[in-house]
Amino acid sequence: MTVERTVRVLLSSLVCSLPSANSRDRRLSVWTILLTYHVAFLEGLKVTLALCAITWGVGLVSGIGLGTLGAHAPVTWGRFSRGAAFVFSSIPALVILFWLHYPAQAAFELVINPFYTAALALTLINTFAVGEMVREAVSDFPRQYITAGQVCGMRGRDIVRYVQLPILFRQLLPGLMVQQVAMLHASLFASLISVEEIFRVAQRINSTIYRPVEIYTALALFFLVVCLPINLFAAYLKKRYTRDTSER
């Protein structure tokens, strides 16, 4: 009995000295998780960047074109641009995304890849937001600058190239940069319709190892590293180059 009791005590002390699964999990740091699951994070990041590339590229080009048309044709394109911007700014991005993914596809009996649905929703939001910014900037452009160019003998094309575009570029660039950061943030909503972007990848990893603090801290650090410099640069440009060009 004494020998048996001794063996039991030794086995119990040995088991207690072994690290449990929870203690091993507690040693998982942010960097350990990033290194362990870096392939999954990179795949999610690639999808996020592809989604943003479509949203930024198409949204900026079409928005600038729509805003320019709205400024030069205020009765037709101008009213359309203002109305669309007002509607899209009044509806949350998540509601637009879900409406395009579920009711719209059901109504037209379509099944579209969620990635393209998210790209369409974000591009529409970005297009009308950019278009309204450009329309207001072009419409409010001070007439005296154009008159000064005409007095100097500049042709209309030269006035646009050397007078209007540089001033409008400096006026619009900070706001456009902040708008694109907002679209990057809105891309997280794509995870709710099964787009395998970085936020959905983070959710999948968290469901496997259940380390929400470390995983979402890593995600926050990613957005901080990407977005903070852009916001700071936009603030610097606004302070350095943006001027009140309205007529007094």
Protein backbone atom coordinates (compact mmCIF):
# COMPACT_ATOMS: atom_id res chain seq x y z
CA MET A 1 0.00 0.00 0.00
CA THR A 2 2.83 2.33 0.74
CA VAL A 3 4.43 1.69 -2.64
CA GLU A 4 1.10 2.14 -4.47
CA ARG A 5 0.41 5.40 -2.66
CA THR A 6 3.88 6.62 -3.51
CA VAL A 7 3.38 5.83 -7.20
CA ARG A 8 0.08 7.71 -7.26
CA VAL A 9 1.64 10.77 -5.66
CA LEU A 10 4.47 10.74 -8.20
CA LEU A 11 2.06 10.40 -11.13
CA SER A 12 -0.13 13.22 -9.82
CA SER A 13 2.81 15.55 -9.40
CA LEU A 14 4.04 14.67 -12.89
CA VAL A 15 0.65 15.41 -14.47
CA CYS A 16 0.34 18.70 -12.60
CA SER A 17 3.76 19.77 -13.78
CA LEU A 18 2.85 19.30 -17.47
CA PRO A 19 1.70 22.52 -19.24
CA SER A 20 -1.95 22.41 -20.13
CA ALA A 21 -3.43 23.38 -23.51
CA ASN A 22 -4.75 26.59 -21.99
CA SER A 23 -1.34 27.57 -20.66
CA ARG A 24 0.20 26.91 -24.05
CA ASP A 25 -2.51 28.99 -25.71
CA ARG A 26 -1.85 31.83 -23.28
CA ARG A 27 1.70 32.03 -24.56
CA LEU A 28 0.48 32.81 -28.10
CA SER A 29 1.42 36.41 -28.78
CA VAL A 30 0.34 38.67 -31.63
CA TRP A 31 3.57 38.02 -33.52
CA THR A 32 3.34 34.25 -32.97
CA ILE A 33 -0.17 34.19 -34.42
CA LEU A 34 0.92 36.32 -37.38
CA LEU A 35 3.87 34.04 -38.09
CA THR A 36 1.85 30.85 -37.67
CA TYR A 37 -1.05 31.93 -39.84
CA HIS A 38 0.78 34.32 -42.16
CA VAL A 39 -0.31 32.43 -45.29
CA ALA A 40 -4.00 32.81 -44.41
CA PHE A 41 -3.56 36.47 -43.47
CA LEU A 42 -1.75 37.16 -46.76
CA GLU A 43 -4.54 35.52 -48.75
CA GLY A 44 -7.12 37.64 -46.94
CA LEU A 45 -5.02 40.74 -47.46
CA LYS A 46 -4.79 39.98 -51.17
CA VAL A 47 -8.58 39.81 -51.44
CA THR A 48 -8.95 43.05 -49.46
CA LEU A 49 -6.46 44.87 -51.69
CA ALA A 50 -8.14 43.55 -54.85
CA LEU A 51 -11.51 44.75 -53.58
CA CYS A 52 -10.09 48.17 -52.71
CA ALA A 53 -8.27 48.44 -56.04
CA ILE A 54 -11.58 48.10 -57.89
CA THR A 55 -13.38 50.42 -55.49
CA TRP A 56 -10.67 53.09 -55.61
CA GLY A 57 -9.86 52.89 -59.32
CA VAL A 58 -13.37 52.76 -60.76
CA GLY A 59 -14.82 55.02 -58.07
CA LEU A 60 -12.25 57.78 -58.56
CA VAL A 61 -12.35 57.76 -62.36
CA SER A 62 -16.13 57.58 -62.66
CA GLY A 63 -16.65 59.98 -59.74
CA ILE A 64 -14.37 62.63 -61.23
CA GLY A 65 -16.11 62.27 -64.58
CA LEU A 66 -19.58 62.46 -63.00
CA GLY A 67 -18.63 65.47 -60.90
CA THR A 68 -17.21 67.32 -63.89
CA LEU A 69 -20.34 66.63 -65.91
CA GLY A 70 -22.50 67.74 -62.99
CA ALA A 71 -20.64 71.05 -62.70
CA HIS A 72 -20.95 71.85 -66.41
CA ALA A 73 -24.53 70.58 -66.77
CA PRO A 74 -26.14 71.49 -63.44
CA VAL A 75 -29.73 71.00 -64.58
CA THR A 76 -29.30 67.40 -65.79
CA TRP A 77 -26.13 65.70 -64.55
CA GLY A 78 -25.83 68.07 -61.61
CA ARG A 79 -29.24 67.15 -60.22
CA PHE A 80 -28.57 63.46 -60.82
CA SER A 81 -25.21 63.65 -59.03
CA ARG A 82 -26.64 65.53 -56.05
CA GLY A 83 -29.64 63.24 -55.76
CA ALA A 84 -27.63 60.02 -56.02
CA ALA A 85 -25.04 61.26 -53.53
CA PHE A 86 -27.81 62.24 -51.10
CA VAL A 87 -29.49 58.82 -51.40
CA PHE A 88 -26.31 56.77 -51.04
CA SER A 89 -25.06 58.87 -48.12
CA SER A 90 -28.40 58.38 -46.34
CA ILE A 91 -28.33 54.56 -46.52
CA PRO A 92 -25.71 52.64 -44.49
CA ALA A 93 -23.15 50.83 -46.61
CA LEU A 94 -24.04 47.53 -44.95
CA VAL A 95 -27.70 47.88 -45.98
CA ILE A 96 -26.72 48.61 -49.60
CA LEU A 97 -24.41 45.61 -49.61
CA PHE A 98 -27.04 43.26 -48.21
CA TRP A 99 -29.72 44.60 -50.56
CA LEU A 100 -27.55 43.93 -53.61
CA HIS A 101 -26.59 40.49 -52.31
CA TYR A 102 -30.03 39.17 -51.35
CA PRO A 103 -33.17 41.01 -52.59
CA ALA A 104 -31.73 42.33 -55.85
CA GLN A 105 -30.33 38.97 -56.92
CA ALA A 106 -33.49 37.16 -55.87
CA ALA A 107 -35.62 39.64 -57.83
CA PHE A 108 -33.61 39.13 -61.02
CA GLU A 109 -32.98 35.41 -60.33
CA LEU A 110 -29.22 35.88 -60.37
CA VAL A 111 -26.39 34.34 -58.40
CA ILE A 112 -23.33 36.59 -58.41
CA ASN A 113 -20.00 35.99 -56.75
CA PRO A 114 -20.05 37.86 -53.39
CA PHE A 115 -16.73 39.50 -54.25
CA TYR A 116 -18.24 41.25 -57.27
CA THR A 117 -21.35 42.19 -55.31
CA ALA A 118 -19.18 43.84 -52.66
CA ALA A 119 -17.08 45.56 -55.33
CA LEU A 120 -20.23 46.93 -56.99
CA ALA A 121 -21.72 48.23 -53.73
CA LEU A 122 -18.51 49.92 -52.57
CA THR A 123 -17.80 51.34 -56.03
CA LEU A 124 -21.26 52.92 -56.24
CA ILE A 125 -20.83 54.51 -52.82
CA ASN A 126 -17.37 55.77 -53.68
CA THR A 127 -18.40 57.04 -57.12
CA PHE A 128 -21.21 59.27 -55.91
CA ALA A 129 -19.23 60.50 -52.89
CA VAL A 130 -16.28 61.49 -55.10
CA GLY A 131 -18.61 62.89 -57.75
CA GLU A 132 -20.29 65.23 -55.30
CA MET A 133 -16.94 66.44 -53.96
CA VAL A 134 -15.69 67.19 -57.47
CA ARG A 135 -18.96 68.81 -58.56
CA GLU A 136 -18.93 71.20 -55.62
CA ALA A 137 -15.26 72.09 -56.12
CA VAL A 138 -15.67 72.78 -59.84
CA SER A 139 -18.93 74.69 -59.39
CA ASP A 140 -17.44 76.88 -56.65
CA PHE A 141 -14.22 77.58 -58.54
CA PRO A 142 -13.62 81.37 -58.39
CA ARG A 143 -14.40 83.09 -61.66
CA GLN A 144 -11.67 85.69 -61.17
CA TYR A 145 -8.94 83.11 -61.78
CA ILE A 146 -10.42 82.27 -65.18
CA THR A 147 -10.86 85.96 -65.98
CA ALA A 148 -7.24 86.64 -65.06
CA GLY A 149 -6.12 83.90 -67.42
CA GLN A 150 -8.23 85.31 -70.24
CA VAL A 151 -6.80 88.78 -69.67
CA CYS A 152 -3.31 87.30 -69.96
CA GLY A 153 -4.25 85.88 -73.35
CA MET A 154 -4.44 82.22 -72.31
CA ARG A 155 -6.62 79.88 -74.30
CA GLY A 156 -9.41 77.96 -72.61
CA ARG A 157 -7.47 74.70 -72.71
CA ASP A 158 -4.44 76.36 -71.14
CA ILE A 159 -6.56 77.92 -68.41
CA VAL A 160 -7.94 74.50 -67.50
CA ARG A 161 -4.49 72.91 -67.58
CA TYR A 162 -2.41 75.55 -65.84
CA VAL A 163 -4.94 77.33 -63.62
CA GLN A 164 -7.99 75.22 -62.78
CA LEU A 165 -6.48 71.74 -62.51
CA PRO A 166 -3.60 72.61 -60.14
CA ILE A 167 -5.88 74.53 -57.79
CA LEU A 168 -8.63 71.91 -57.88
CA PHE A 169 -6.09 69.14 -57.33
CA ARG A 170 -4.79 70.79 -54.18
CA GLN A 171 -8.30 71.47 -52.95
CA LEU A 172 -9.62 67.96 -53.58
CA LEU A 173 -6.67 65.69 -52.76
CA PRO A 174 -7.00 65.64 -48.93
CA GLY A 175 -10.71 64.90 -49.03
CA LEU A 176 -10.28 62.22 -51.68
CA MET A 177 -7.60 60.49 -49.63
CA VAL A 178 -9.79 60.43 -46.52
CA GLN A 179 -12.69 59.09 -48.60
CA GLN A 180 -10.57 56.20 -49.88
CA VAL A 181 -9.53 55.32 -46.33
CA ALA A 182 -13.23 55.21 -45.43
CA MET A 183 -13.80 52.80 -48.32
CA LEU A 184 -10.99 50.58 -47.02
CA HIS A 185 -12.77 50.48 -43.67
CA ALA A 186 -16.09 49.72 -45.38
CA SER A 187 -14.52 46.73 -47.16
CA LEU A 188 -14.76 44.85 -43.83
CA PHE A 189 -18.52 44.56 -44.41
CA ALA A 190 -17.78 42.22 -47.32
CA SER A 191 -16.98 39.49 -44.79
CA LEU A 192 -20.70 39.39 -43.89
CA ILE A 193 -21.57 38.07 -47.37
CA SER A 194 -18.79 35.44 -47.31
CA VAL A 195 -16.03 37.36 -49.08
CA GLU A 196 -12.74 35.88 -47.85
CA GLU A 197 -11.10 39.22 -47.06
CA ILE A 198 -8.79 39.88 -44.14
CA PHE A 199 -11.49 40.36 -41.51
CA ARG A 200 -13.21 37.07 -42.36
CA VAL A 201 -9.85 35.30 -42.28
CA ALA A 202 -9.24 36.74 -38.82
CA GLN A 203 -12.64 35.45 -37.72
CA ARG A 204 -11.85 31.96 -39.04
CA ILE A 205 -8.52 31.86 -37.23
CA ASN A 206 -10.14 33.07 -34.02
CA SER A 207 -12.76 30.31 -34.25
CA THR A 208 -9.89 27.80 -34.39
CA ILE A 209 -7.63 29.00 -31.57
CA TYR A 210 -9.97 31.44 -29.79
CA ARG A 211 -7.50 34.23 -29.16
CA PRO A 212 -9.69 37.30 -29.90
CA VAL A 213 -7.47 39.82 -28.10
CA GLU A 214 -4.34 38.91 -30.03
CA ILE A 215 -6.03 38.38 -33.40
CA TYR A 216 -8.06 41.58 -33.44
CA THR A 217 -5.11 43.50 -32.03
CA ALA A 218 -3.10 42.32 -35.02
CA LEU A 219 -5.93 43.41 -37.31
CA ALA A 220 -6.09 46.81 -35.63
CA LEU A 221 -2.32 47.21 -36.03
CA PHE A 222 -2.64 46.45 -39.74
CA PHE A 223 -5.25 49.17 -40.29
CA LEU A 224 -3.32 51.56 -38.09
CA VAL A 225 -0.14 51.07 -40.11
CA VAL A 226 -1.99 51.50 -43.42
CA CYS A 227 -4.51 54.23 -42.60
CA LEU A 228 -2.77 56.47 -40.06
CA PRO A 229 -0.04 57.69 -42.46
CA ILE A 230 -2.65 58.40 -45.13
CA ASN A 231 -4.80 60.40 -42.71
CA LEU A 232 -1.79 62.32 -41.41
CA PHE A 233 -0.61 63.06 -44.94
CA ALA A 234 -4.10 64.23 -45.92
CA ALA A 235 -4.23 66.50 -42.87
CA TYR A 236 -0.82 67.92 -43.78
CA LEU A 237 -1.87 68.56 -47.38
CA LYS A 238 -5.08 70.23 -46.25
CA LYS A 239 -3.19 72.51 -43.88
CA ARG A 240 -0.36 73.21 -46.31
CA TYR A 241 -2.08 73.63 -49.66
CA THR A 242 -5.82 74.06 -49.19
CA ARG A 243 -6.89 77.66 -49.28
CA ASP A 244 -10.21 79.47 -49.13
CA THR A 245 -10.73 80.33 -52.80
CA SER A 246 -14.29 81.57 -52.42
CA GLU A 247 -15.05 85.05 -53.62
CA ARG A 248 -15.38 87.64 -50.85
